[in-house]
Amino acid sequence: MNLASGFRRLIAPLSVAIVLGGLCSAQAQEITPSHLAAARAAVAAIKATDMFDSILPDAARGLKAELIQKDPNLESVISSAVDEQAIKLAARRADLENEAARAYAVSFTEEELNAITGFYTSPAGLKLLSEGPIVTREVNKAASIWQRGVARDLAQAVAEKIAATAATMAPANAPAPAKAETPAKPKQ
């Protein structure tokens, strides 16, 4: 195979990649200011980025601890320097908010985002945000209990079925099989 035929084989895949890349960038550019504003409102309403609030403070605390452990004599200098730089970096939080809004804007229409914001700022939506984690924890506990019960009952029913089937298969002069034992309960 010569160099020219190798390039010809690459033309089609590269053309597809270029066209798709152009479509993706065109899609990203199609987000209107009102669409992005709706996405920002939805991100705020659902508290989509709240879980990231502690990233910078945690990084600052960790860095302080690490540097102070290496040089305890410079504790006040280290603490001041880390705090000063962390405060400067706090402005970059807007970058995260913008990227989150763009992600939502790409995935949802402006109307859908407005509906999401409307729900999550309503009393029912606010209650879902505050009580949702508690309800989820309770549902997970109930599912765990249910899972253990179903597994126990399944094992018991199968053991009884096998014992009954085995009893009918035993030769007439053979001693009857021992009574089926119920499997041990799963540990909780």
C-alpha atoms as a PDB file:
ATOM      1  CA  MET A   1       0.000   0.000   0.000  1.00  0.00           C
ATOM      2  CA  ASN A   2       1.434   3.357  -0.958  1.00  0.00           C
ATOM      3  CA  LEU A   3       1.062   6.673   0.836  1.00  0.00           C
ATOM      4  CA  ALA A   4      -1.600   8.034  -1.551  1.00  0.00           C
ATOM      5  CA  SER A   5      -3.969   5.099  -1.034  1.00  0.00           C
ATOM      6  CA  GLY A   6      -3.480   5.386   2.722  1.00  0.00           C
ATOM      7  CA  PHE A   7      -4.568   9.028   2.616  1.00  0.00           C
ATOM      8  CA  ARG A   8      -7.587   8.141   0.454  1.00  0.00           C
ATOM      9  CA  ARG A   9      -8.704   5.613   3.075  1.00  0.00           C
ATOM     10  CA  LEU A  10      -8.566   8.303   5.753  1.00  0.00           C
ATOM     11  CA  ILE A  11     -10.522  10.942   3.811  1.00  0.00           C
ATOM     12  CA  ALA A  12     -14.008   9.545   4.556  1.00  0.00           C
ATOM     13  CA  PRO A  13     -13.522   9.020   8.316  1.00  0.00           C
ATOM     14  CA  LEU A  14     -11.853  12.406   8.676  1.00  0.00           C
ATOM     15  CA  SER A  15     -14.638  14.086   6.715  1.00  0.00           C
ATOM     16  CA  VAL A  16     -17.246  12.537   8.994  1.00  0.00           C
ATOM     17  CA  ALA A  17     -15.309  13.640  12.065  1.00  0.00           C
ATOM     18  CA  ILE A  18     -15.029  17.197  10.772  1.00  0.00           C
ATOM     19  CA  VAL A  19     -18.741  17.386   9.932  1.00  0.00           C
ATOM     20  CA  LEU A  20     -19.756  15.964  13.312  1.00  0.00           C
ATOM     21  CA  GLY A  21     -17.370  18.301  15.087  1.00  0.00           C
ATOM     22  CA  GLY A  22     -18.910  21.215  13.237  1.00  0.00           C
ATOM     23  CA  LEU A  23     -22.403  20.083  14.175  1.00  0.00           C
ATOM     24  CA  CYS A  24     -21.455  19.778  17.839  1.00  0.00           C
ATOM     25  CA  SER A  25     -19.887  23.218  17.921  1.00  0.00           C
ATOM     26  CA  ALA A  26     -22.856  24.660  16.024  1.00  0.00           C
ATOM     27  CA  GLN A  27     -25.179  23.092  18.575  1.00  0.00           C
ATOM     28  CA  ALA A  28     -23.145  24.603  21.397  1.00  0.00           C
ATOM     29  CA  GLN A  29     -23.323  28.007  19.693  1.00  0.00           C
ATOM     30  CA  GLU A  30     -27.114  27.779  19.269  1.00  0.00           C
ATOM     31  CA  ILE A  31     -27.757  28.339  22.971  1.00  0.00           C
ATOM     32  CA  THR A  32     -29.480  31.687  23.142  1.00  0.00           C
ATOM     33  CA  PRO A  33     -29.002  34.054  26.077  1.00  0.00           C
ATOM     34  CA  SER A  34     -32.575  33.398  27.240  1.00  0.00           C
ATOM     35  CA  HIS A  35     -32.020  29.625  26.995  1.00  0.00           C
ATOM     36  CA  LEU A  36     -28.831  29.935  29.040  1.00  0.00           C
ATOM     37  CA  ALA A  37     -30.630  32.144  31.576  1.00  0.00           C
ATOM     38  CA  ALA A  38     -33.355  29.502  31.890  1.00  0.00           C
ATOM     39  CA  ALA A  39     -30.656  26.864  32.401  1.00  0.00           C
ATOM     40  CA  ARG A  40     -28.972  28.962  35.098  1.00  0.00           C
ATOM     41  CA  ALA A  41     -32.307  29.379  36.865  1.00  0.00           C
ATOM     42  CA  ALA A  42     -32.943  25.624  36.712  1.00  0.00           C
ATOM     43  CA  VAL A  43     -29.444  24.841  38.010  1.00  0.00           C
ATOM     44  CA  ALA A  44     -30.044  27.214  40.919  1.00  0.00           C
ATOM     45  CA  ALA A  45     -33.551  25.865  41.573  1.00  0.00           C
ATOM     46  CA  ILE A  46     -32.456  22.236  41.737  1.00  0.00           C
ATOM     47  CA  LYS A  47     -29.274  23.121  43.582  1.00  0.00           C
ATOM     48  CA  ALA A  48     -27.332  21.133  40.977  1.00  0.00           C
ATOM     49  CA  THR A  49     -23.953  22.517  41.991  1.00  0.00           C
ATOM     50  CA  ASP A  50     -24.465  22.837  45.749  1.00  0.00           C
ATOM     51  CA  MET A  51     -22.667  19.542  46.311  1.00  0.00           C
ATOM     52  CA  PHE A  52     -19.499  21.179  44.999  1.00  0.00           C
ATOM     53  CA  ASP A  53     -19.531  24.063  47.507  1.00  0.00           C
ATOM     54  CA  SER A  54     -16.925  22.429  49.704  1.00  0.00           C
ATOM     55  CA  ILE A  55     -14.338  21.692  46.997  1.00  0.00           C
ATOM     56  CA  LEU A  56     -12.294  24.886  47.369  1.00  0.00           C
ATOM     57  CA  PRO A  57     -12.540  25.116  51.191  1.00  0.00           C
ATOM     58  CA  ASP A  58     -11.611  21.430  51.492  1.00  0.00           C
ATOM     59  CA  ALA A  59      -8.655  21.891  49.142  1.00  0.00           C
ATOM     60  CA  ALA A  60      -7.513  24.928  51.145  1.00  0.00           C
ATOM     61  CA  ARG A  61      -7.810  23.051  54.457  1.00  0.00           C
ATOM     62  CA  GLY A  62      -5.924  20.079  53.063  1.00  0.00           C
ATOM     63  CA  LEU A  63      -3.171  22.243  51.624  1.00  0.00           C
ATOM     64  CA  LYS A  64      -2.815  24.174  54.896  1.00  0.00           C
ATOM     65  CA  ALA A  65      -2.535  20.952  56.884  1.00  0.00           C
ATOM     66  CA  GLU A  66       0.015  19.501  54.475  1.00  0.00           C
ATOM     67  CA  LEU A  67       2.191  22.613  54.380  1.00  0.00           C
ATOM     68  CA  ILE A  68       1.983  23.257  58.128  1.00  0.00           C
ATOM     69  CA  GLN A  69       2.961  19.660  58.817  1.00  0.00           C
ATOM     70  CA  LYS A  70       6.060  20.147  56.647  1.00  0.00           C
ATOM     71  CA  ASP A  71       6.996  23.472  58.254  1.00  0.00           C
ATOM     72  CA  PRO A  72       5.107  24.244  61.496  1.00  0.00           C
ATOM     73  CA  ASN A  73       7.150  27.418  62.076  1.00  0.00           C
ATOM     74  CA  LEU A  74       5.448  29.052  59.089  1.00  0.00           C
ATOM     75  CA  GLU A  75       1.881  28.283  60.190  1.00  0.00           C
ATOM     76  CA  SER A  76       0.649  31.893  60.137  1.00  0.00           C
ATOM     77  CA  VAL A  77       2.352  32.629  56.804  1.00  0.00           C
ATOM     78  CA  ILE A  78       0.975  29.430  55.270  1.00  0.00           C
ATOM     79  CA  SER A  79      -2.513  30.080  56.608  1.00  0.00           C
ATOM     80  CA  SER A  80      -2.555  33.647  55.278  1.00  0.00           C
ATOM     81  CA  ALA A  81      -1.172  32.657  51.881  1.00  0.00           C
ATOM     82  CA  VAL A  82      -3.614  29.782  51.420  1.00  0.00           C
ATOM     83  CA  ASP A  83      -6.584  31.912  52.504  1.00  0.00           C
ATOM     84  CA  GLU A  84      -5.557  34.752  50.189  1.00  0.00           C
ATOM     85  CA  GLN A  85      -5.162  32.474  47.183  1.00  0.00           C
ATOM     86  CA  ALA A  86      -8.373  30.569  47.950  1.00  0.00           C
ATOM     87  CA  ILE A  87     -10.319  33.829  48.024  1.00  0.00           C
ATOM     88  CA  LYS A  88      -8.858  34.755  44.634  1.00  0.00           C
ATOM     89  CA  LEU A  89      -9.849  31.364  43.227  1.00  0.00           C
ATOM     90  CA  ALA A  90     -13.402  31.620  44.591  1.00  0.00           C
ATOM     91  CA  ALA A  91     -14.306  33.800  41.608  1.00  0.00           C
ATOM     92  CA  ARG A  92     -13.750  30.765  39.392  1.00  0.00           C
ATOM     93  CA  ARG A  93     -16.874  29.192  40.874  1.00  0.00           C
ATOM     94  CA  ALA A  94     -18.768  31.074  38.167  1.00  0.00           C
ATOM     95  CA  ASP A  95     -17.001  28.857  35.612  1.00  0.00           C
ATOM     96  CA  LEU A  96     -18.586  25.783  37.179  1.00  0.00           C
ATOM     97  CA  GLU A  97     -22.013  27.434  37.235  1.00  0.00           C
ATOM     98  CA  ASN A  98     -21.661  28.378  33.553  1.00  0.00           C
ATOM     99  CA  GLU A  99     -20.609  24.868  32.533  1.00  0.00           C
ATOM    100  CA  ALA A 100     -23.478  23.352  34.517  1.00  0.00           C
ATOM    101  CA  ALA A 101     -25.923  25.751  32.862  1.00  0.00           C
ATOM    102  CA  ARG A 102     -24.535  24.876  29.425  1.00  0.00           C
ATOM    103  CA  ALA A 103     -24.889  21.154  30.159  1.00  0.00           C
ATOM    104  CA  TYR A 104     -28.533  21.658  31.120  1.00  0.00           C
ATOM    105  CA  ALA A 105     -29.148  23.952  28.134  1.00  0.00           C
ATOM    106  CA  VAL A 106     -27.835  21.287  25.762  1.00  0.00           C
ATOM    107  CA  SER A 107     -30.013  18.594  27.348  1.00  0.00           C
ATOM    108  CA  PHE A 108     -33.263  20.539  27.864  1.00  0.00           C
ATOM    109  CA  THR A 109     -35.240  23.053  25.870  1.00  0.00           C
ATOM    110  CA  GLU A 110     -35.806  26.516  27.264  1.00  0.00           C
ATOM    111  CA  GLU A 111     -39.445  25.615  27.967  1.00  0.00           C
ATOM    112  CA  GLU A 112     -38.436  22.447  29.824  1.00  0.00           C
ATOM    113  CA  LEU A 113     -35.930  24.397  31.898  1.00  0.00           C
ATOM    114  CA  ASN A 114     -38.590  26.956  32.798  1.00  0.00           C
ATOM    115  CA  ALA A 115     -40.925  24.115  33.827  1.00  0.00           C
ATOM    116  CA  ILE A 116     -38.167  22.548  35.951  1.00  0.00           C
ATOM    117  CA  THR A 117     -37.502  25.886  37.629  1.00  0.00           C
ATOM    118  CA  GLY A 118     -41.216  26.419  38.161  1.00  0.00           C
ATOM    119  CA  PHE A 119     -41.602  23.074  39.881  1.00  0.00           C
ATOM    120  CA  TYR A 120     -38.491  23.223  42.037  1.00  0.00           C
ATOM    121  CA  THR A 121     -39.303  26.725  43.269  1.00  0.00           C
ATOM    122  CA  SER A 122     -42.871  25.691  44.155  1.00  0.00           C
ATOM    123  CA  PRO A 123     -43.698  24.474  47.680  1.00  0.00           C
ATOM    124  CA  ALA A 124     -43.830  20.863  46.440  1.00  0.00           C
ATOM    125  CA  GLY A 125     -40.484  21.183  44.657  1.00  0.00           C
ATOM    126  CA  LEU A 126     -38.829  22.804  47.659  1.00  0.00           C
ATOM    127  CA  LYS A 127     -40.166  20.015  49.862  1.00  0.00           C
ATOM    128  CA  LEU A 128     -38.876  17.396  47.417  1.00  0.00           C
ATOM    129  CA  LEU A 129     -35.423  18.975  47.584  1.00  0.00           C
ATOM    130  CA  SER A 130     -35.405  19.059  51.388  1.00  0.00           C
ATOM    131  CA  GLU A 131     -37.146  15.749  52.124  1.00  0.00           C
ATOM    132  CA  GLY A 132     -36.005  13.751  49.082  1.00  0.00           C
ATOM    133  CA  PRO A 133     -32.761  12.468  50.611  1.00  0.00           C
ATOM    134  CA  ILE A 134     -34.599  11.319  53.747  1.00  0.00           C
ATOM    135  CA  VAL A 135     -37.278   9.560  51.699  1.00  0.00           C
ATOM    136  CA  THR A 136     -34.614   7.934  49.520  1.00  0.00           C
ATOM    137  CA  ARG A 137     -32.816   6.631  52.608  1.00  0.00           C
ATOM    138  CA  GLU A 138     -36.070   5.165  53.964  1.00  0.00           C
ATOM    139  CA  VAL A 139     -36.916   3.554  50.620  1.00  0.00           C
ATOM    140  CA  ASN A 140     -33.432   2.003  50.496  1.00  0.00           C
ATOM    141  CA  LYS A 141     -33.902   0.602  54.019  1.00  0.00           C
ATOM    142  CA  ALA A 142     -37.298  -0.850  53.057  1.00  0.00           C
ATOM    143  CA  ALA A 143     -35.819  -2.374  49.891  1.00  0.00           C
ATOM    144  CA  SER A 144     -33.019  -3.966  51.904  1.00  0.00           C
ATOM    145  CA  ILE A 145     -35.483  -5.550  54.344  1.00  0.00           C
ATOM    146  CA  TRP A 146     -37.671  -6.695  51.454  1.00  0.00           C
ATOM    147  CA  GLN A 147     -34.651  -8.175  49.648  1.00  0.00           C
ATOM    148  CA  ARG A 148     -33.639 -10.227  52.679  1.00  0.00           C
ATOM    149  CA  GLY A 149     -37.215 -11.490  53.149  1.00  0.00           C
ATOM    150  CA  VAL A 150     -37.616 -12.468  49.509  1.00  0.00           C
ATOM    151  CA  ALA A 151     -34.246 -14.247  49.470  1.00  0.00           C
ATOM    152  CA  ARG A 152     -35.138 -16.135  52.657  1.00  0.00           C
ATOM    153  CA  ASP A 153     -38.601 -17.124  51.374  1.00  0.00           C
ATOM    154  CA  LEU A 154     -37.207 -18.158  47.984  1.00  0.00           C
ATOM    155  CA  ALA A 155     -34.565 -20.380  49.580  1.00  0.00           C
ATOM    156  CA  GLN A 156     -37.146 -21.959  51.891  1.00  0.00           C
ATOM    157  CA  ALA A 157     -39.661 -22.602  49.079  1.00  0.00           C
ATOM    158  CA  VAL A 158     -36.996 -24.121  46.828  1.00  0.00           C
ATOM    159  CA  ALA A 159     -35.722 -26.366  49.648  1.00  0.00           C
ATOM    160  CA  GLU A 160     -39.263 -27.620  50.307  1.00  0.00           C
ATOM    161  CA  LYS A 161     -39.911 -28.215  46.587  1.00  0.00           C
ATOM    162  CA  ILE A 162     -36.650 -30.125  46.153  1.00  0.00           C
ATOM    163  CA  ALA A 163     -37.368 -32.232  49.244  1.00  0.00           C
ATOM    164  CA  ALA A 164     -40.880 -33.053  48.018  1.00  0.00           C
ATOM    165  CA  THR A 165     -39.645 -33.945  44.543  1.00  0.00           C
ATOM    166  CA  ALA A 166     -36.813 -36.045  45.950  1.00  0.00           C
ATOM    167  CA  ALA A 167     -39.282 -37.931  48.168  1.00  0.00           C
ATOM    168  CA  THR A 168     -41.377 -38.972  45.170  1.00  0.00           C
ATOM    169  CA  MET A 169     -38.297 -40.079  43.275  1.00  0.00           C
ATOM    170  CA  ALA A 170     -36.989 -42.359  46.049  1.00  0.00           C
ATOM    171  CA  PRO A 171     -37.211 -46.128  45.409  1.00  0.00           C
ATOM    172  CA  ALA A 172     -40.067 -47.881  47.235  1.00  0.00           C
ATOM    173  CA  ASN A 173     -37.792 -49.924  49.543  1.00  0.00           C
ATOM    174  CA  ALA A 174     -35.333 -47.105  50.239  1.00  0.00           C
ATOM    175  CA  PRO A 175     -35.634 -45.186  53.467  1.00  0.00           C
ATOM    176  CA  ALA A 176     -37.413 -41.841  53.154  1.00  0.00           C
ATOM    177  CA  PRO A 177     -35.130 -38.820  52.884  1.00  0.00           C
ATOM    178  CA  ALA A 178     -34.636 -36.740  55.961  1.00  0.00           C
ATOM    179  CA  LYS A 179     -37.007 -33.847  56.477  1.00  0.00           C
ATOM    180  CA  ALA A 180     -35.889 -30.788  54.517  1.00  0.00           C
ATOM    181  CA  GLU A 181     -34.156 -28.296  56.678  1.00  0.00           C
ATOM    182  CA  THR A 182     -34.998 -24.652  56.340  1.00  0.00           C
ATOM    183  CA  PRO A 183     -31.933 -22.718  55.215  1.00  0.00           C
ATOM    184  CA  ALA A 184     -30.329 -20.476  57.759  1.00  0.00           C
ATOM    185  CA  LYS A 185     -31.603 -16.918  57.838  1.00  0.00           C
ATOM    186  CA  PRO A 186     -29.338 -14.435  56.072  1.00  0.00           C
ATOM    187  CA  LYS A 187     -27.327 -12.272  58.411  1.00  0.00           C
ATOM    188  CA  GLN A 188     -28.767  -8.814  58.854  1.00  0.00           C
END
